[in-house]
Protein backbone atom coordinates (compact mmCIF):
# COMPACT_ATOMS: atom_id res chain seq x y z
CA UNK A 1 85.26 88.61 93.08
CA UNK A 2 87.62 89.41 90.22
CA UNK A 3 88.02 93.02 91.36
CA UNK A 4 88.70 91.82 94.89
CA UNK A 5 91.33 89.28 93.90
CA UNK A 6 93.02 91.42 91.23
CA UNK A 7 95.46 93.01 93.70
CA UNK A 8 96.70 89.50 94.49
CA UNK A 9 97.76 89.02 90.85
CA UNK A 10 100.57 91.58 91.07
CA UNK A 11 103.83 90.96 92.87
CA UNK A 12 104.25 92.17 96.42
CA UNK A 13 107.24 94.40 95.70
CA UNK A 14 105.55 95.86 92.62
CA UNK A 15 102.62 96.94 94.79
CA UNK A 16 104.91 98.28 97.51
CA UNK A 17 106.95 100.44 95.17
CA UNK A 18 103.81 101.58 93.34
CA UNK A 19 102.45 102.87 96.65
CA UNK A 20 105.79 104.54 97.36
CA UNK A 21 105.73 106.31 93.99
CA UNK A 22 102.12 107.42 94.51
CA UNK A 23 102.44 108.67 98.09
CA UNK A 24 106.00 110.01 98.25
CA UNK A 25 106.64 113.73 98.38
CA UNK A 26 106.34 115.06 94.79
CA UNK A 27 104.76 111.72 93.85
CA UNK A 28 101.68 111.04 91.76
CA UNK A 29 99.24 112.01 94.52
CA UNK A 30 101.02 115.32 95.13
CA UNK A 31 100.93 115.99 91.38
CA UNK A 32 97.16 115.38 91.26
CA UNK A 33 96.42 117.43 94.39
CA UNK A 34 98.72 120.37 93.60
CA UNK A 35 96.12 122.28 91.48
CA UNK A 36 93.88 122.27 94.56
CA UNK A 37 96.67 123.59 96.78
CA UNK A 38 96.85 120.29 98.69
CA UNK A 39 99.53 117.66 99.08
CA UNK A 40 99.59 113.94 99.81
CA UNK A 41 100.50 112.34 103.10
CA UNK A 42 104.07 111.53 102.10
CA UNK A 43 105.79 108.51 103.57
CA UNK A 44 104.87 107.58 107.11
CA UNK A 45 102.08 106.02 109.13
CA UNK A 46 99.29 107.19 106.78
CA UNK A 47 101.08 105.73 103.77
CA UNK A 48 101.72 102.51 105.66
CA UNK A 49 98.07 102.25 106.69
CA UNK A 50 96.85 102.84 103.13
CA UNK A 51 99.30 100.37 101.62
CA UNK A 52 98.59 97.64 104.19
CA UNK A 53 94.83 98.14 103.81
CA UNK A 54 95.13 97.80 100.04
CA UNK A 55 97.46 94.83 100.32
CA UNK A 56 95.45 92.74 102.80
CA UNK A 57 91.87 93.91 102.09
CA UNK A 58 91.11 90.90 99.85
CA UNK A 59 91.77 88.65 102.83
CA UNK A 60 88.95 90.45 104.67
CA UNK A 61 86.54 90.66 101.77
CA UNK A 62 86.72 87.03 100.64
CA UNK A 63 85.62 85.41 103.96
CA UNK A 64 82.78 87.92 104.27
CA UNK A 65 81.79 87.27 100.66
CA UNK A 66 81.78 83.52 101.30
CA UNK A 67 79.63 84.01 104.39
CA UNK A 68 77.20 86.24 102.49
CA UNK A 69 77.09 83.74 99.64
CA UNK A 70 75.95 81.02 102.07
CA UNK A 71 73.25 83.27 103.52
CA UNK A 72 69.87 81.78 102.57
CA UNK A 73 67.45 84.16 100.86
CA UNK A 74 64.67 82.64 102.93
CA UNK A 75 65.92 84.26 106.16
CA UNK A 76 65.88 87.70 104.53
CA UNK A 77 62.37 87.05 103.26
CA UNK A 78 61.27 85.77 106.66
CA UNK A 79 62.66 88.90 108.33
CA UNK A 80 60.76 91.11 105.90
CA UNK A 81 57.57 89.05 106.40
CA UNK A 82 57.88 89.57 110.15
CA UNK A 83 58.03 93.33 109.67
CA UNK A 84 61.72 94.05 110.03
CA UNK A 85 63.13 96.91 108.00
CA UNK A 86 66.41 96.70 106.08
CA UNK A 87 68.60 97.95 108.95
CA UNK A 88 66.91 95.67 111.47
CA UNK A 89 67.38 92.71 109.09
CA UNK A 90 71.08 93.49 108.72
CA UNK A 91 71.58 93.92 112.46
CA UNK A 92 69.48 91.00 113.69
CA UNK A 93 69.71 88.46 110.87
CA UNK A 94 72.61 89.06 108.50
CA UNK A 95 75.37 90.09 110.94
CA UNK A 96 74.93 87.14 113.32
CA UNK A 97 75.04 84.71 110.39
CA UNK A 98 78.14 86.22 108.76
CA UNK A 99 80.00 86.87 112.04
CA UNK A 100 82.29 83.84 111.55
CA UNK A 101 83.38 85.31 108.20
CA UNK A 102 84.04 88.68 109.81
CA UNK A 103 86.10 87.07 112.57
CA UNK A 104 88.07 84.95 110.09
CA UNK A 105 88.77 87.96 107.88
CA UNK A 106 89.83 90.10 110.82
CA UNK A 107 92.26 87.41 112.00
CA UNK A 108 93.74 87.11 108.49
CA UNK A 109 94.17 90.84 107.99
CA UNK A 110 95.39 91.56 111.51
CA UNK A 111 97.99 88.81 111.58
CA UNK A 112 99.22 89.57 108.05
CA UNK A 113 99.45 93.30 108.79
CA UNK A 114 101.14 92.74 112.12
CA UNK A 115 103.79 90.53 110.54
CA UNK A 116 104.49 92.72 107.52
CA UNK A 117 107.79 94.53 107.82
CA UNK A 118 108.74 94.98 104.16
CA UNK A 119 105.87 97.34 103.29
CA UNK A 120 106.69 99.41 106.37
CA UNK A 121 110.34 99.65 105.27
CA UNK A 122 109.32 100.76 101.76
CA UNK A 123 106.46 103.22 102.41
CA UNK A 124 106.79 103.87 106.12
CA UNK A 125 109.60 106.40 106.07
CA UNK A 126 110.81 106.51 109.66
CA UNK A 127 107.71 104.66 110.92
CA UNK A 128 108.45 101.63 113.07
CA UNK A 129 105.88 98.89 113.48
CA UNK A 130 106.00 95.72 115.52
CA UNK A 131 107.36 93.41 112.82
CA UNK A 132 110.19 95.86 112.17
CA UNK A 133 111.25 95.61 115.80
CA UNK A 134 111.49 91.83 115.47
CA UNK A 135 113.31 92.13 112.13
CA UNK A 136 115.79 94.71 113.43
CA UNK A 137 116.58 92.61 116.49
CA UNK A 138 117.33 89.59 114.33
CA UNK A 139 119.40 91.30 111.65
CA UNK A 140 120.92 94.51 112.94
CA UNK A 141 121.08 94.05 116.71
CA UNK A 142 121.56 90.29 116.74
CA UNK A 143 119.33 90.01 119.81
CA UNK A 144 117.72 86.66 118.94
CA UNK A 145 116.18 85.96 122.38
CA UNK A 146 114.32 89.27 122.37
CA UNK A 147 113.25 88.79 118.75
CA UNK A 148 111.94 85.28 119.51
CA UNK A 149 110.06 86.50 122.58
CA UNK A 150 108.61 89.45 120.66
CA UNK A 151 107.55 87.21 117.79
CA UNK A 152 105.15 85.40 120.10
CA UNK A 153 103.14 88.62 120.54
CA UNK A 154 100.97 88.16 117.41
CA UNK A 155 100.13 84.61 118.47
CA UNK A 156 99.13 85.71 121.95
CA UNK A 157 96.97 88.53 120.56
CA UNK A 158 95.15 86.28 118.07
CA UNK A 159 94.56 83.58 120.69
CA UNK A 160 93.27 86.25 123.09
CA UNK A 161 90.98 87.61 120.38
CA UNK A 162 89.61 84.15 119.66
CA UNK A 163 89.09 83.51 123.37
CA UNK A 164 87.23 86.81 123.75
CA UNK A 165 85.02 86.06 120.75
CA UNK A 166 84.30 82.58 122.03
CA UNK A 167 83.60 83.84 125.54
CA UNK A 168 80.96 86.24 124.25
CA UNK A 169 79.17 83.28 122.71
CA UNK A 170 78.99 85.06 119.38
CA UNK A 171 80.55 82.11 117.58
CA UNK A 172 79.60 78.59 118.36
CA UNK A 173 81.63 77.29 115.41
CA UNK A 174 85.00 78.39 116.85
């Protein structure tokens, strides 16, 4: 738990500029890979994906950890007593029980990543993501109606995701 929450202890901009220094051309990653004749990804979509994954991963891990923590040992034992192997137990017992944690974590990480425009500006190079379109239309273009309409997109996607999950019957708690 401590290792998972440690990235949350540092400031957002500190993490963003640390990723920029590591992944930029002639950065720390290039320096480490140069003896092998390789180079890092530089700034762009790969850097943005790595930085966003690092930044928001705790918000995926913690709900899954909480769901696994509530998992009774007796259901694992019962599955083994009934002859299920480890993979069958995970697929048929563990995953259905922790599915609400997976859904909650995916909503957290997706919505936070979709709304993050600062990390994209710092490590994305020329990469444009959805939140940057909203940001640019508010600040640079001054097109507030378009920015307001575009800002509803994450809400519509999350509500659609929840409706799809509920429709499948996978989650009775939602």
